[in-house]
């Protein structure tokens, strides 16, 4: 449930960022339309930016997880030893980190797609 909330937050942040970017570049978009640019040509850079923003957010989340595990590994090990257990925290592997970045990129692309579609319709 927490991952779903963070995913929705990523889509919302990307949506707002791309919307502001479209509004800032509205004059350029109008000129591009006048000279015959298709909607796909206009949308593509925003999609790339949204995916990049999401992927970097996923990598930042992975870095925060690594930092938290590094800080908590000692105390969790000591707590487990007090109860006679052998428990240790395992950091995520390369595949899981890449999966997190990929999921972030997909969510960022989704937020950008929603934002650009809505913003370009308003500019028409």
PDB file of N, CA and C in Angstrom:
ATOM      1  N   UNK A   1       0.822  -1.180   0.000  1.00  0.00           N
ATOM      2  CA  UNK A   1       0.000   0.000   0.000  1.00  0.00           C
ATOM      3  C   UNK A   1       0.876   1.257   0.000  1.00  0.00           C
ATOM      4  N   UNK A   2       1.959   1.216   0.733  1.00  0.00           N
ATOM      5  CA  UNK A   2       2.875   2.357   0.780  1.00  0.00           C
ATOM      6  C   UNK A   2       3.537   2.577  -0.580  1.00  0.00           C
ATOM      7  N   UNK A   3       3.896   1.491  -1.250  1.00  0.00           N
ATOM      8  CA  UNK A   3       4.493   1.613  -2.586  1.00  0.00           C
ATOM      9  C   UNK A   3       3.492   2.218  -3.564  1.00  0.00           C
ATOM     10  N   UNK A   4       2.226   1.861  -3.440  1.00  0.00           N
ATOM     11  CA  UNK A   4       1.196   2.445  -4.297  1.00  0.00           C
ATOM     12  C   UNK A   4       1.042   3.940  -4.064  1.00  0.00           C
ATOM     13  N   UNK A   5       1.111   4.345  -2.805  1.00  0.00           N
ATOM     14  CA  UNK A   5       1.030   5.775  -2.490  1.00  0.00           C
ATOM     15  C   UNK A   5       2.232   6.541  -3.045  1.00  0.00           C
ATOM     16  N   UNK A   6       3.416   5.958  -2.918  1.00  0.00           N
ATOM     17  CA  UNK A   6       4.606   6.609  -3.466  1.00  0.00           C
ATOM     18  C   UNK A   6       4.553   6.650  -4.991  1.00  0.00           C
ATOM     19  N   UNK A   7       4.027   5.593  -5.607  1.00  0.00           N
ATOM     20  CA  UNK A   7       3.871   5.585  -7.058  1.00  0.00           C
ATOM     21  C   UNK A   7       2.904   6.656  -7.521  1.00  0.00           C
ATOM     22  N   UNK A   8       1.791   6.797  -6.823  1.00  0.00           N
ATOM     23  CA  UNK A   8       0.830   7.853  -7.161  1.00  0.00           C
ATOM     24  C   UNK A   8       1.450   9.233  -6.952  1.00  0.00           C
ATOM     25  N   UNK A   9       2.263   9.370  -5.922  1.00  0.00           N
ATOM     26  CA  UNK A   9       2.955  10.632  -5.689  1.00  0.00           C
ATOM     27  C   UNK A   9       3.931  10.959  -6.810  1.00  0.00           C
ATOM     28  N   UNK A  10       4.633   9.938  -7.325  1.00  0.00           N
ATOM     29  CA  UNK A  10       5.556  10.149  -8.432  1.00  0.00           C
ATOM     30  C   UNK A  10       4.817  10.596  -9.685  1.00  0.00           C
ATOM     31  N   UNK A  11       3.676   9.964  -9.953  1.00  0.00           N
ATOM     32  CA  UNK A  11       2.869  10.360 -11.118  1.00  0.00           C
ATOM     33  C   UNK A  11       2.373  11.795 -10.953  1.00  0.00           C
ATOM     34  N   UNK A  12       1.934  12.156  -9.762  1.00  0.00           N
ATOM     35  CA  UNK A  12       1.421  13.511  -9.513  1.00  0.00           C
ATOM     36  C   UNK A  12       2.521  14.559  -9.645  1.00  0.00           C
ATOM     37  N   UNK A  13       3.699  14.283  -9.113  1.00  0.00           N
ATOM     38  CA  UNK A  13       4.804  15.239  -9.210  1.00  0.00           C
ATOM     39  C   UNK A  13       5.235  15.403 -10.662  1.00  0.00           C
ATOM     40  N   UNK A  14       5.342  14.295 -11.378  1.00  0.00           N
ATOM     41  CA  UNK A  14       5.716  14.364 -12.793  1.00  0.00           C
ATOM     42  C   UNK A  14       4.652  15.104 -13.587  1.00  0.00           C
ATOM     43  N   UNK A  15       3.391  14.820 -13.289  1.00  0.00           N
ATOM     44  CA  UNK A  15       2.284  15.496 -13.973  1.00  0.00           C
ATOM     45  C   UNK A  15       2.406  17.004 -13.819  1.00  0.00           C
ATOM     46  N   UNK A  16       2.611  17.465 -12.602  1.00  0.00           N
ATOM     47  CA  UNK A  16       2.686  18.898 -12.341  1.00  0.00           C
ATOM     48  C   UNK A  16       3.929  19.522 -12.977  1.00  0.00           C
ATOM     49  N   UNK A  17       5.052  18.844 -12.905  1.00  0.00           N
ATOM     50  CA  UNK A  17       6.285  19.375 -13.485  1.00  0.00           C
ATOM     51  C   UNK A  17       6.159  19.526 -14.997  1.00  0.00           C
ATOM     52  N   UNK A  18       5.622  18.512 -15.654  1.00  0.00           N
ATOM     53  CA  UNK A  18       5.465  18.567 -17.110  1.00  0.00           C
ATOM     54  C   UNK A  18       4.421  19.613 -17.489  1.00  0.00           C
ATOM     55  N   UNK A  19       3.363  19.735 -16.709  1.00  0.00           N
ATOM     56  CA  UNK A  19       2.339  20.750 -16.998  1.00  0.00           C
ATOM     57  C   UNK A  19       2.943  22.147 -16.951  1.00  0.00           C
ATOM     58  N   UNK A  20       3.759  22.406 -15.953  1.00  0.00           N
ATOM     59  CA  UNK A  20       4.419  23.708 -15.855  1.00  0.00           C
ATOM     60  C   UNK A  20       5.392  23.928 -17.010  1.00  0.00           C
ATOM     61  N   UNK A  21       6.048  22.868 -17.432  1.00  0.00           N
ATOM     62  CA  UNK A  21       6.981  22.975 -18.545  1.00  0.00           C
ATOM     63  C   UNK A  21       6.238  23.255 -19.855  1.00  0.00           C
ATOM     64  N   UNK A  22       5.093  22.618 -20.062  1.00  0.00           N
ATOM     65  CA  UNK A  22       4.283  22.874 -21.261  1.00  0.00           C
ATOM     66  C   UNK A  22       3.785  24.318 -21.247  1.00  0.00           C
ATOM     67  N   UNK A  23       3.347  24.790 -20.090  1.00  0.00           N
ATOM     68  CA  UNK A  23       2.871  26.175 -19.996  1.00  0.00           C
ATOM     69  C   UNK A  23       4.003  27.164 -20.286  1.00  0.00           C
ATOM     70  N   UNK A  24       5.207  26.867 -19.830  1.00  0.00           N
ATOM     71  CA  UNK A  24       6.341  27.755 -20.056  1.00  0.00           C
ATOM     72  C   UNK A  24       6.752  27.773 -21.522  1.00  0.00           C
ATOM     73  N   UNK A  25       6.522  26.674 -22.215  1.00  0.00           N
ATOM     74  CA  UNK A  25       6.927  26.575 -23.616  1.00  0.00           C
ATOM     75  C   UNK A  25       5.742  26.673 -24.569  1.00  0.00           C
ATOM     76  N   UNK A  26       4.640  27.260 -24.113  1.00  0.00           N
ATOM     77  CA  UNK A  26       3.437  27.313 -24.951  1.00  0.00           C
ATOM     78  C   UNK A  26       3.655  28.113 -26.231  1.00  0.00           C
ATOM     79  N   UNK A  27       4.434  29.185 -26.168  1.00  0.00           N
ATOM     80  CA  UNK A  27       4.701  29.973 -27.374  1.00  0.00           C
ATOM     81  C   UNK A  27       5.495  29.145 -28.390  1.00  0.00           C
ATOM     82  N   UNK A  28       6.466  28.402 -27.926  1.00  0.00           N
ATOM     83  CA  UNK A  28       7.252  27.546 -28.810  1.00  0.00           C
ATOM     84  C   UNK A  28       6.383  26.450 -29.422  1.00  0.00           C
ATOM     85  N   UNK A  29       5.463  25.920 -28.634  1.00  0.00           N
ATOM     86  CA  UNK A  29       4.565  24.876 -29.137  1.00  0.00           C
ATOM     87  C   UNK A  29       3.659  25.440 -30.225  1.00  0.00           C
ATOM     88  N   UNK A  30       3.169  26.645 -30.024  1.00  0.00           N
ATOM     89  CA  UNK A  30       2.317  27.286 -31.036  1.00  0.00           C
ATOM     90  C   UNK A  30       3.080  27.508 -32.340  1.00  0.00           C
ATOM     91  N   UNK A  31       4.308  27.971 -32.245  1.00  0.00           N
ATOM     92  CA  UNK A  31       5.122  28.183 -33.440  1.00  0.00           C
ATOM     93  C   UNK A  31       5.391  26.851 -34.136  1.00  0.00           C
ATOM     94  N   UNK A  32       5.689  25.816 -33.362  1.00  0.00           N
ATOM     95  CA  UNK A  32       5.939  24.501 -33.947  1.00  0.00           C
ATOM     96  C   UNK A  32       4.701  23.979 -34.672  1.00  0.00           C
ATOM     97  N   UNK A  33       3.532  24.218 -34.114  1.00  0.00           N
ATOM     98  CA  UNK A  33       2.294  23.799 -34.776  1.00  0.00           C
ATOM     99  C   UNK A  33       2.061  24.576 -36.064  1.00  0.00           C
ATOM    100  N   UNK A  34       2.417  25.859 -36.061  1.00  0.00           N
ATOM    101  CA  UNK A  34       2.228  26.681 -37.259  1.00  0.00           C
ATOM    102  C   UNK A  34       3.084  26.194 -38.429  1.00  0.00           C
ATOM    103  N   UNK A  35       4.267  25.664 -38.126  1.00  0.00           N
ATOM    104  CA  UNK A  35       5.129  25.207 -39.206  1.00  0.00           C
ATOM    105  C   UNK A  35       4.919  23.725 -39.519  1.00  0.00           C
ATOM    106  N   UNK A  36       3.907  23.108 -38.903  1.00  0.00           N
ATOM    107  CA  UNK A  36       3.511  21.758 -39.282  1.00  0.00           C
ATOM    108  C   UNK A  36       3.977  20.633 -38.387  1.00  0.00           C
ATOM    109  N   UNK A  37       4.406  20.909 -37.175  1.00  0.00           N
ATOM    110  CA  UNK A  37       4.842  19.847 -36.265  1.00  0.00           C
ATOM    111  C   UNK A  37       3.637  19.035 -35.805  1.00  0.00           C
ATOM    112  N   UNK A  38       3.795  17.735 -35.785  1.00  0.00           N
ATOM    113  CA  UNK A  38       2.719  16.864 -35.322  1.00  0.00           C
ATOM    114  C   UNK A  38       2.683  16.855 -33.798  1.00  0.00           C
ATOM    115  N   UNK A  39       1.562  16.382 -33.265  1.00  0.00           N
ATOM    116  CA  UNK A  39       1.455  16.292 -31.804  1.00  0.00           C
ATOM    117  C   UNK A  39       2.490  15.326 -31.231  1.00  0.00           C
ATOM    118  N   UNK A  40       2.751  14.255 -31.953  1.00  0.00           N
ATOM    119  CA  UNK A  40       3.760  13.300 -31.486  1.00  0.00           C
ATOM    120  C   UNK A  40       5.142  13.916 -31.380  1.00  0.00           C
ATOM    121  N   UNK A  41       5.477  14.777 -32.353  1.00  0.00           N
ATOM    122  CA  UNK A  41       6.769  15.462 -32.328  1.00  0.00           C
ATOM    123  C   UNK A  41       6.850  16.424 -31.147  1.00  0.00           C
ATOM    124  N   UNK A  42       5.748  17.063 -30.836  1.00  0.00           N
ATOM    125  CA  UNK A  42       5.719  18.017 -29.717  1.00  0.00           C
ATOM    126  C   UNK A  42       5.762  17.282 -28.382  1.00  0.00           C
ATOM    127  N   UNK A  43       5.096  16.151 -28.296  1.00  0.00           N
ATOM    128  CA  UNK A  43       4.994  15.417 -27.029  1.00  0.00           C
ATOM    129  C   UNK A  43       6.266  14.668 -26.646  1.00  0.00           C
ATOM    130  N   UNK A  44       6.993  14.201 -27.645  1.00  0.00           N
ATOM    131  CA  UNK A  44       8.118  13.298 -27.405  1.00  0.00           C
ATOM    132  C   UNK A  44       9.135  13.819 -26.390  1.00  0.00           C
ATOM    133  N   UNK A  45       9.615  15.067 -26.453  1.00  0.00           N
ATOM    134  CA  UNK A  45      10.594  15.515 -25.445  1.00  0.00           C
ATOM    135  C   UNK A  45      10.035  15.515 -24.017  1.00  0.00           C
ATOM    136  N   UNK A  46       8.751  15.784 -23.885  1.00  0.00           N
ATOM    137  CA  UNK A  46       8.135  15.772 -22.553  1.00  0.00           C
ATOM    138  C   UNK A  46       8.061  14.345 -22.008  1.00  0.00           C
ATOM    139  N   UNK A  47       7.777  13.379 -22.896  1.00  0.00           N
ATOM    140  CA  UNK A  47       7.759  11.972 -22.470  1.00  0.00           C
ATOM    141  C   UNK A  47       9.144  11.547 -21.996  1.00  0.00           C
ATOM    142  N   UNK A  48      10.163  11.935 -22.755  1.00  0.00           N
ATOM    143  CA  UNK A  48      11.525  11.566 -22.377  1.00  0.00           C
ATOM    144  C   UNK A  48      11.903  12.184 -21.031  1.00  0.00           C
ATOM    145  N   UNK A  49      11.545  13.449 -20.843  1.00  0.00           N
ATOM    146  CA  UNK A  49      11.856  14.107 -19.579  1.00  0.00           C
ATOM    147  C   UNK A  49      11.129  13.451 -18.412  1.00  0.00           C
ATOM    148  N   UNK A  50       9.861  13.079 -18.612  1.00  0.00           N
ATOM    149  CA  UNK A  50       9.108  12.410 -17.551  1.00  0.00           C
ATOM    150  C   UNK A  50       9.710  11.063 -17.193  1.00  0.00           C
ATOM    151  N   UNK A  51      10.109  10.290 -18.220  1.00  0.00           N
ATOM    152  CA  UNK A  51      10.722   8.988 -17.962  1.00  0.00           C
ATOM    153  C   UNK A  51      12.065   9.151 -17.261  1.00  0.00           C
ATOM    154  N   UNK A  52      12.843  10.144 -17.676  1.00  0.00           N
ATOM    155  CA  UNK A  52      14.134  10.384 -17.030  1.00  0.00           C
ATOM    156  C   UNK A  52      13.947  10.814 -15.584  1.00  0.00           C
ATOM    157  N   UNK A  53      12.982  11.682 -15.349  1.00  0.00           N
ATOM    158  CA  UNK A  53      12.706  12.135 -13.989  1.00  0.00           C
ATOM    159  C   UNK A  53      12.270  10.953 -13.115  1.00  0.00           C
ATOM    160  N   UNK A  54      11.429  10.084 -13.637  1.00  0.00           N
ATOM    161  CA  UNK A  54      10.991   8.916 -12.876  1.00  0.00           C
ATOM    162  C   UNK A  54      12.121   7.943 -12.607  1.00  0.00           C
ATOM    163  N   UNK A  55      12.976   7.706 -13.609  1.00  0.00           N
ATOM    164  CA  UNK A  55      14.103   6.786 -13.419  1.00  0.00           C
ATOM    165  C   UNK A  55      15.077   7.321 -12.375  1.00  0.00           C
ATOM    166  N   UNK A  56      15.343   8.611 -12.428  1.00  0.00           N
ATOM    167  CA  UNK A  56      16.228   9.195 -11.414  1.00  0.00           C
ATOM    168  C   UNK A  56      15.592   9.148 -10.027  1.00  0.00           C
ATOM    169  N   UNK A  57      14.279   9.306  -9.973  1.00  0.00           N
ATOM    170  CA  UNK A  57      13.585   9.156  -8.693  1.00  0.00           C
ATOM    171  C   UNK A  57      13.696   7.738  -8.160  1.00  0.00           C
ATOM    172  N   UNK A  58      13.593   6.743  -9.045  1.00  0.00           N
ATOM    173  CA  UNK A  58      13.759   5.349  -8.635  1.00  0.00           C
ATOM    174  C   UNK A  58      15.161   5.062  -8.140  1.00  0.00           C
ATOM    175  N   UNK A  59      16.161   5.623  -8.813  1.00  0.00           N
ATOM    176  CA  UNK A  59      17.543   5.436  -8.361  1.00  0.00           C
ATOM    177  C   UNK A  59      17.798   6.141  -7.033  1.00  0.00           C
ATOM    178  N   UNK A  60      17.177   7.289  -6.851  1.00  0.00           N
ATOM    179  CA  UNK A  60      17.295   7.988  -5.563  1.00  0.00           C
ATOM    180  C   UNK A  60      16.647   7.172  -4.451  1.00  0.00           C
ATOM    181  N   UNK A  61      15.500   6.565  -4.748  1.00  0.00           N
ATOM    182  CA  UNK A  61      14.843   5.709  -3.751  1.00  0.00           C
ATOM    183  C   UNK A  61      15.734   4.516  -3.393  1.00  0.00           C
ATOM    184  N   UNK A  62      16.384   3.927  -4.399  1.00  0.00           N
ATOM    185  CA  UNK A  62      17.291   2.804  -4.135  1.00  0.00           C
ATOM    186  C   UNK A  62      18.467   3.262  -3.280  1.00  0.00           C
ATOM    187  N   UNK A  63      18.997   4.446  -3.546  1.00  0.00           N
ATOM    188  CA  UNK A  63      20.105   4.967  -2.736  1.00  0.00           C
ATOM    189  C   UNK A  63      19.669   5.201  -1.297  1.00  0.00           C
ATOM    190  N   UNK A  64      18.447   5.679  -1.108  1.00  0.00           N
ATOM    191  CA  UNK A  64      17.936   5.869   0.257  1.00  0.00           C
ATOM    192  C   UNK A  64      17.764   4.539   0.983  1.00  0.00           C
ATOM    193  N   UNK A  65      17.340   3.519   0.255  1.00  0.00           N
ATOM    194  CA  UNK A  65      17.209   2.186   0.860  1.00  0.00           C
ATOM    195  C   UNK A  65      18.576   1.662   1.269  1.00  0.00           C
ATOM    196  N   UNK A  66      19.578   1.810   0.386  1.00  0.00           N
ATOM    197  CA  UNK A  66      20.932   1.376   0.732  1.00  0.00           C
ATOM    198  C   UNK A  66      21.450   2.113   1.968  1.00  0.00           C
ATOM    199  N   UNK A  67      21.226   3.413   2.038  1.00  0.00           N
ATOM    200  CA  UNK A  67      21.690   4.192   3.191  1.00  0.00           C
ATOM    201  C   UNK A  67      20.978   3.763   4.462  1.00  0.00           C
ATOM    202  N   UNK A  68      19.668   3.535   4.373  1.00  0.00           N
ATOM    203  CA  UNK A  68      18.919   3.113   5.561  1.00  0.00           C
ATOM    204  C   UNK A  68      19.376   1.733   6.029  1.00  0.00           C
ATOM    205  N   UNK A  69      19.621   0.830   5.094  1.00  0.00           N
ATOM    206  CA  UNK A  69      20.094  -0.506   5.480  1.00  0.00           C
ATOM    207  C   UNK A  69      21.476  -0.440   6.114  1.00  0.00           C
ATOM    208  N   UNK A  70      22.308   0.441   5.601  1.00  0.00           N
ATOM    209  CA  UNK A  70      23.646   0.583   6.182  1.00  0.00           C
ATOM    210  C   UNK A  70      23.562   1.101   7.621  1.00  0.00           C
ATOM    211  N   UNK A  71      22.657   2.035   7.867  1.00  0.00           N
ATOM    212  CA  UNK A  71      22.501   2.576   9.216  1.00  0.00           C
ATOM    213  C   UNK A  71      21.845   1.582  10.172  1.00  0.00           C
ATOM    214  N   UNK A  72      20.919   0.775   9.670  1.00  0.00           N
ATOM    215  CA  UNK A  72      20.155  -0.108  10.536  1.00  0.00           C
ATOM    216  C   UNK A  72      20.741  -1.512  10.680  1.00  0.00           C
ATOM    217  N   UNK A  73      21.727  -1.875   9.875  1.00  0.00           N
ATOM    218  CA  UNK A  73      22.257  -3.240   9.899  1.00  0.00           C
ATOM    219  C   UNK A  73      22.822  -3.607  11.277  1.00  0.00           C
ATOM    220  N   UNK A  74      23.594  -2.722  11.856  1.00  0.00           N
ATOM    221  CA  UNK A  74      24.187  -3.003  13.175  1.00  0.00           C
ATOM    222  C   UNK A  74      23.146  -3.150  14.274  1.00  0.00           C
ATOM    223  N   UNK A  75      22.269  -2.167  14.464  1.00  0.00           N
ATOM    224  CA  UNK A  75      21.270  -2.279  15.529  1.00  0.00           C
ATOM    225  C   UNK A  75      20.314  -3.469  15.354  1.00  0.00           C
ATOM    226  N   UNK A  76      19.947  -3.788  14.118  1.00  0.00           N
ATOM    227  CA  UNK A  76      19.042  -4.931  13.898  1.00  0.00           C
ATOM    228  C   UNK A  76      19.756  -6.233  14.222  1.00  0.00           C
ATOM    229  N   UNK A  77      21.037  -6.316  13.861  1.00  0.00           N
ATOM    230  CA  UNK A  77      21.819  -7.508  14.200  1.00  0.00           C
ATOM    231  C   UNK A  77      21.968  -7.680  15.702  1.00  0.00           C
ATOM    232  N   UNK A  78      22.199  -6.576  16.416  1.00  0.00           N
ATOM    233  CA  UNK A  78      22.315  -6.643  17.875  1.00  0.00           C
ATOM    234  C   UNK A  78      20.995  -7.043  18.520  1.00  0.00           C
ATOM    235  N   UNK A  79      19.898  -6.506  18.011  1.00  0.00           N
ATOM    236  CA  UNK A  79      18.583  -6.855  18.542  1.00  0.00           C
ATOM    237  C   UNK A  79      18.277  -8.327  18.315  1.00  0.00           C
ATOM    238  N   UNK A  80      18.604  -8.830  17.140  1.00  0.00           N
ATOM    239  CA  UNK A  80      18.382 -10.249  16.846  1.00  0.00           C
ATOM    240  C   UNK A  80      19.248 -11.125  17.758  1.00  0.00           C
ATOM    241  N   UNK A  81      20.476 -10.698  18.028  1.00  0.00           N
ATOM    242  CA  UNK A  81      21.364 -11.469  18.913  1.00  0.00           C
ATOM    243  C   UNK A  81      20.833 -11.500  20.335  1.00  0.00           C
ATOM    244  N   UNK A  82      20.181 -10.423  20.795  1.00  0.00           N
ATOM    245  CA  UNK A  82      19.604 -10.403  22.133  1.00  0.00           C
ATOM    246  C   UNK A  82      18.515 -11.454  22.295  1.00  0.00           C
ATOM    247  N   UNK A  83      17.800 -11.721  21.217  1.00  0.00           N
ATOM    248  CA  UNK A  83      16.727 -12.725  21.268  1.00  0.00           C
ATOM    249  C   UNK A  83      17.195 -14.087  20.783  1.00  0.00           C
ATOM    250  N   UNK A  84      18.479 -14.232  20.557  1.00  0.00           N
ATOM    251  CA  UNK A  84      19.029 -15.521  20.175  1.00  0.00           C
ATOM    252  C   UNK A  84      18.822 -15.852  18.700  1.00  0.00           C
ATOM    253  N   UNK A  85      18.566 -14.883  17.909  1.00  0.00           N
ATOM    254  CA  UNK A  85      18.349 -15.119  16.482  1.00  0.00           C
ATOM    255  C   UNK A  85      19.548 -14.694  15.657  1.00  0.00           C
ATOM    256  N   UNK A  86      19.520 -15.108  14.442  1.00  0.00           N
ATOM    257  CA  UNK A  86      20.576 -14.740  13.505  1.00  0.00           C
ATOM    258  C   UNK A  86      19.908 -14.057  12.313  1.00  0.00           C
ATOM    259  N   UNK A  87      19.645 -12.782  12.455  1.00  0.00           N
ATOM    260  CA  UNK A  87      18.903 -12.030  11.442  1.00  0.00           C
ATOM    261  C   UNK A  87      19.780 -10.898  10.925  1.00  0.00           C
ATOM    262  N   UNK A  88      19.826 -10.747   9.637  1.00  0.00           N
ATOM    263  CA  UNK A  88      20.581  -9.636   9.072  1.00  0.00           C
ATOM    264  C   UNK A  88      19.790  -9.063   7.894  1.00  0.00           C
ATOM    265  N   UNK A  89      19.937  -7.778   7.689  1.00  0.00           N
ATOM    266  CA  UNK A  89      19.260  -7.104   6.585  1.00  0.00           C
ATOM    267  C   UNK A  89      20.058  -7.294   5.303  1.00  0.00           C
ATOM    268  N   UNK A  90      19.371  -7.641   4.233  1.00  0.00           N
ATOM    269  CA  UNK A  90      20.013  -7.874   2.947  1.00  0.00           C
ATOM    270  C   UNK A  90      19.697  -6.713   2.017  1.00  0.00           C
ATOM    271  N   UNK A  91      20.711  -6.070   1.454  1.00  0.00           N
ATOM    272  CA  UNK A  91      20.443  -4.966   0.513  1.00  0.00           C
ATOM    273  C   UNK A  91      19.895  -5.512  -0.803  1.00  0.00           C
ATOM    274  N   UNK A  92      19.127  -4.710  -1.514  1.00  0.00           N
ATOM    275  CA  UNK A  92      18.607  -5.161  -2.799  1.00  0.00           C
ATOM    276  C   UNK A  92      19.731  -5.363  -3.810  1.00  0.00           C
ATOM    277  N   UNK A  93      19.529  -6.323  -4.694  1.00  0.00           N
ATOM    278  CA  UNK A  93      20.530  -6.616  -5.704  1.00  0.00           C
ATOM    279  C   UNK A  93      20.429  -5.676  -6.895  1.00  0.00           C
ATOM    280  N   UNK A  94      21.272  -5.923  -7.868  1.00  0.00           N
ATOM    281  CA  UNK A  94      21.302  -5.082  -9.061  1.00  0.00           C
ATOM    282  C   UNK A  94      19.992  -5.179  -9.839  1.00  0.00           C
ATOM    283  N   UNK A  95      19.440  -6.388  -9.934  1.00  0.00           N
ATOM    284  CA  UNK A  95      18.178  -6.565 -10.648  1.00  0.00           C
ATOM    285  C   UNK A  95      17.026  -5.822  -9.998  1.00  0.00           C
ATOM    286  N   UNK A  96      16.979  -5.855  -8.687  1.00  0.00           N
ATOM    287  CA  UNK A  96      15.924  -5.137  -7.969  1.00  0.00           C
ATOM    288  C   UNK A  96      16.085  -3.628  -8.106  1.00  0.00           C
ATOM    289  N   UNK A  97      17.329  -3.152  -8.087  1.00  0.00           N
ATOM    290  CA  UNK A  97      17.588  -1.721  -8.253  1.00  0.00           C
ATOM    291  C   UNK A  97      17.196  -1.263  -9.649  1.00  0.00           C
ATOM    292  N   UNK A  98      17.560  -2.051 -10.667  1.00  0.00           N
ATOM    293  CA  UNK A  98      17.168  -1.717 -12.035  1.00  0.00           C
ATOM    294  C   UNK A  98      15.656  -1.796 -12.215  1.00  0.00           C
ATOM    295  N   UNK A  99      15.030  -2.747 -11.539  1.00  0.00           N
ATOM    296  CA  UNK A  99      13.569  -2.842 -11.582  1.00  0.00           C
ATOM    297  C   UNK A  99      12.902  -1.618 -10.977  1.00  0.00           C
ATOM    298  N   UNK A 100      13.474  -1.116  -9.901  1.00  0.00           N
ATOM    299  CA  UNK A 100      12.946   0.091  -9.263  1.00  0.00           C
ATOM    300  C   UNK A 100      13.101   1.296 -10.181  1.00  0.00           C
ATOM    301  N   UNK A 101      14.253   1.402 -10.844  1.00  0.00           N
ATOM    302  CA  UNK A 101      14.464   2.511 -11.785  1.00  0.00           C
ATOM    303  C   UNK A 101      13.533   2.383 -12.989  1.00  0.00           C
ATOM    304  N   UNK A 102      13.323   1.168 -13.462  1.00  0.00           N
ATOM    305  CA  UNK A 102      12.420   0.955 -14.597  1.00  0.00           C
ATOM    306  C   UNK A 102      10.989   1.289 -14.226  1.00  0.00           C
ATOM    307  N   UNK A 103      10.557   0.858 -13.070  1.00  0.00           N
ATOM    308  CA  UNK A 103       9.210   1.176 -12.613  1.00  0.00           C
ATOM    309  C   UNK A 103       9.039   2.681 -12.444  1.00  0.00           C
ATOM    310  N   UNK A 104      10.053   3.342 -11.921  1.00  0.00           N
ATOM    311  CA  UNK A 104      10.014   4.800 -11.801  1.00  0.00           C
ATOM    312  C   UNK A 104       9.915   5.470 -13.162  1.00  0.00           C
ATOM    313  N   UNK A 105      10.656   4.955 -14.153  1.00  0.00           N
ATOM    314  CA  UNK A 105      10.607   5.519 -15.502  1.00  0.00           C
ATOM    315  C   UNK A 105       9.225   5.341 -16.111  1.00  0.00           C
ATOM    316  N   UNK A 106       8.619   4.181 -15.907  1.00  0.00           N
ATOM    317  CA  UNK A 106       7.270   3.942 -16.445  1.00  0.00           C
ATOM    318  C   UNK A 106       6.255   4.874 -15.788  1.00  0.00           C
ATOM    319  N   UNK A 107       6.347   5.037 -14.487  1.00  0.00           N
ATOM    320  CA  UNK A 107       5.425   5.939 -13.796  1.00  0.00           C
ATOM    321  C   UNK A 107       5.656   7.393 -14.197  1.00  0.00           C
ATOM    322  N   UNK A 108       6.905   7.786 -14.387  1.00  0.00           N
ATOM    323  CA  UNK A 108       7.203   9.130 -14.858  1.00  0.00           C
ATOM    324  C   UNK A 108       6.675   9.366 -16.261  1.00  0.00           C
ATOM    325  N   UNK A 109       6.822   8.365 -17.129  1.00  0.00           N
ATOM    326  CA  UNK A 109       6.288   8.466 -18.488  1.00  0.00           C
ATOM    327  C   UNK A 109       4.772   8.581 -18.457  1.00  0.00           C
ATOM    328  N   UNK A 110       4.121   7.821 -17.576  1.00  0.00           N
ATOM    329  CA  UNK A 110       2.662   7.879 -17.453  1.00  0.00           C
ATOM    330  C   UNK A 110       2.215   9.273 -17.003  1.00  0.00           C
ATOM    331  N   UNK A 111       2.879   9.825 -16.019  1.00  0.00           N
ATOM    332  CA  UNK A 111       2.544  11.170 -15.567  1.00  0.00           C
ATOM    333  C   UNK A 111       2.754  12.204 -16.656  1.00  0.00           C
ATOM    334  N   UNK A 112       3.823  12.055 -17.428  1.00  0.00           N
ATOM    335  CA  UNK A 112       4.082  12.977 -18.527  1.00  0.00           C
ATOM    336  C   UNK A 112       3.026  12.836 -19.619  1.00  0.00           C
ATOM    337  N   UNK A 113       2.626  11.614 -19.917  1.00  0.00           N
ATOM    338  CA  UNK A 113       1.610  11.396 -20.949  1.00  0.00           C
ATOM    339  C   UNK A 113       0.281  12.042 -20.550  1.00  0.00           C
ATOM    340  N   UNK A 114      -0.115  11.834 -19.318  1.00  0.00           N
ATOM    341  CA  UNK A 114      -1.362  12.439 -18.851  1.00  0.00           C
ATOM    342  C   UNK A 114      -1.285  13.962 -18.895  1.00  0.00           C
ATOM    343  N   UNK A 115      -0.175  14.508 -18.448  1.00  0.00           N
ATOM    344  CA  UNK A 115      -0.019  15.952 -18.385  1.00  0.00           C
ATOM    345  C   UNK A 115       0.025  16.585 -19.770  1.00  0.00           C
ATOM    346  N   UNK A 116       0.815  16.009 -20.669  1.00  0.00           N
ATOM    347  CA  UNK A 116       0.950  16.587 -22.007  1.00  0.00           C
ATOM    348  C   UNK A 116      -0.375  16.499 -22.760  1.00  0.00           C
ATOM    349  N   UNK A 117      -1.056  15.379 -22.639  1.00  0.00           N
ATOM    350  CA  UNK A 117      -2.340  15.235 -23.321  1.00  0.00           C
ATOM    351  C   UNK A 117      -3.323  16.292 -22.853  1.00  0.00           C
ATOM    352  N   UNK A 118      -3.423  16.477 -21.564  1.00  0.00           N
ATOM    353  CA  UNK A 118      -4.341  17.459 -21.011  1.00  0.00           C
ATOM    354  C   UNK A 118      -3.926  18.890 -21.372  1.00  0.00           C
ATOM    355  N   UNK A 119      -2.650  19.183 -21.268  1.00  0.00           N
ATOM    356  CA  UNK A 119      -2.157  20.534 -21.519  1.00  0.00           C
ATOM    357  C   UNK A 119      -2.277  20.913 -22.989  1.00  0.00           C
ATOM    358  N   UNK A 120      -1.987  19.986 -23.885  1.00  0.00           N
ATOM    359  CA  UNK A 120      -2.090  20.305 -25.310  1.00  0.00           C
ATOM    360  C   UNK A 120      -3.540  20.479 -25.745  1.00  0.00           C
ATOM    361  N   UNK A 121      -4.444  19.752 -25.115  1.00  0.00           N
ATOM    362  CA  UNK A 121      -5.863  19.956 -25.420  1.00  0.00           C
ATOM    363  C   UNK A 121      -6.317  21.338 -24.993  1.00  0.00           C
ATOM    364  N   UNK A 122      -5.783  21.830 -23.874  1.00  0.00           N
ATOM    365  CA  UNK A 122      -6.150  23.166 -23.399  1.00  0.00           C
ATOM    366  C   UNK A 122      -5.567  24.253 -24.311  1.00  0.00           C
ATOM    367  N   UNK A 123      -4.409  23.980 -24.934  1.00  0.00           N
ATOM    368  CA  UNK A 123      -3.805  24.962 -25.818  1.00  0.00           C
ATOM    369  C   UNK A 123      -4.522  25.067 -27.167  1.00  0.00           C
ATOM    370  N   UNK A 124      -5.279  24.025 -27.534  1.00  0.00           N
ATOM    371  CA  UNK A 124      -5.991  24.047 -28.821  1.00  0.00           C
ATOM    372  C   UNK A 124      -7.088  25.050 -28.877  1.00  0.00           C
TER     373      UNK A 124
END
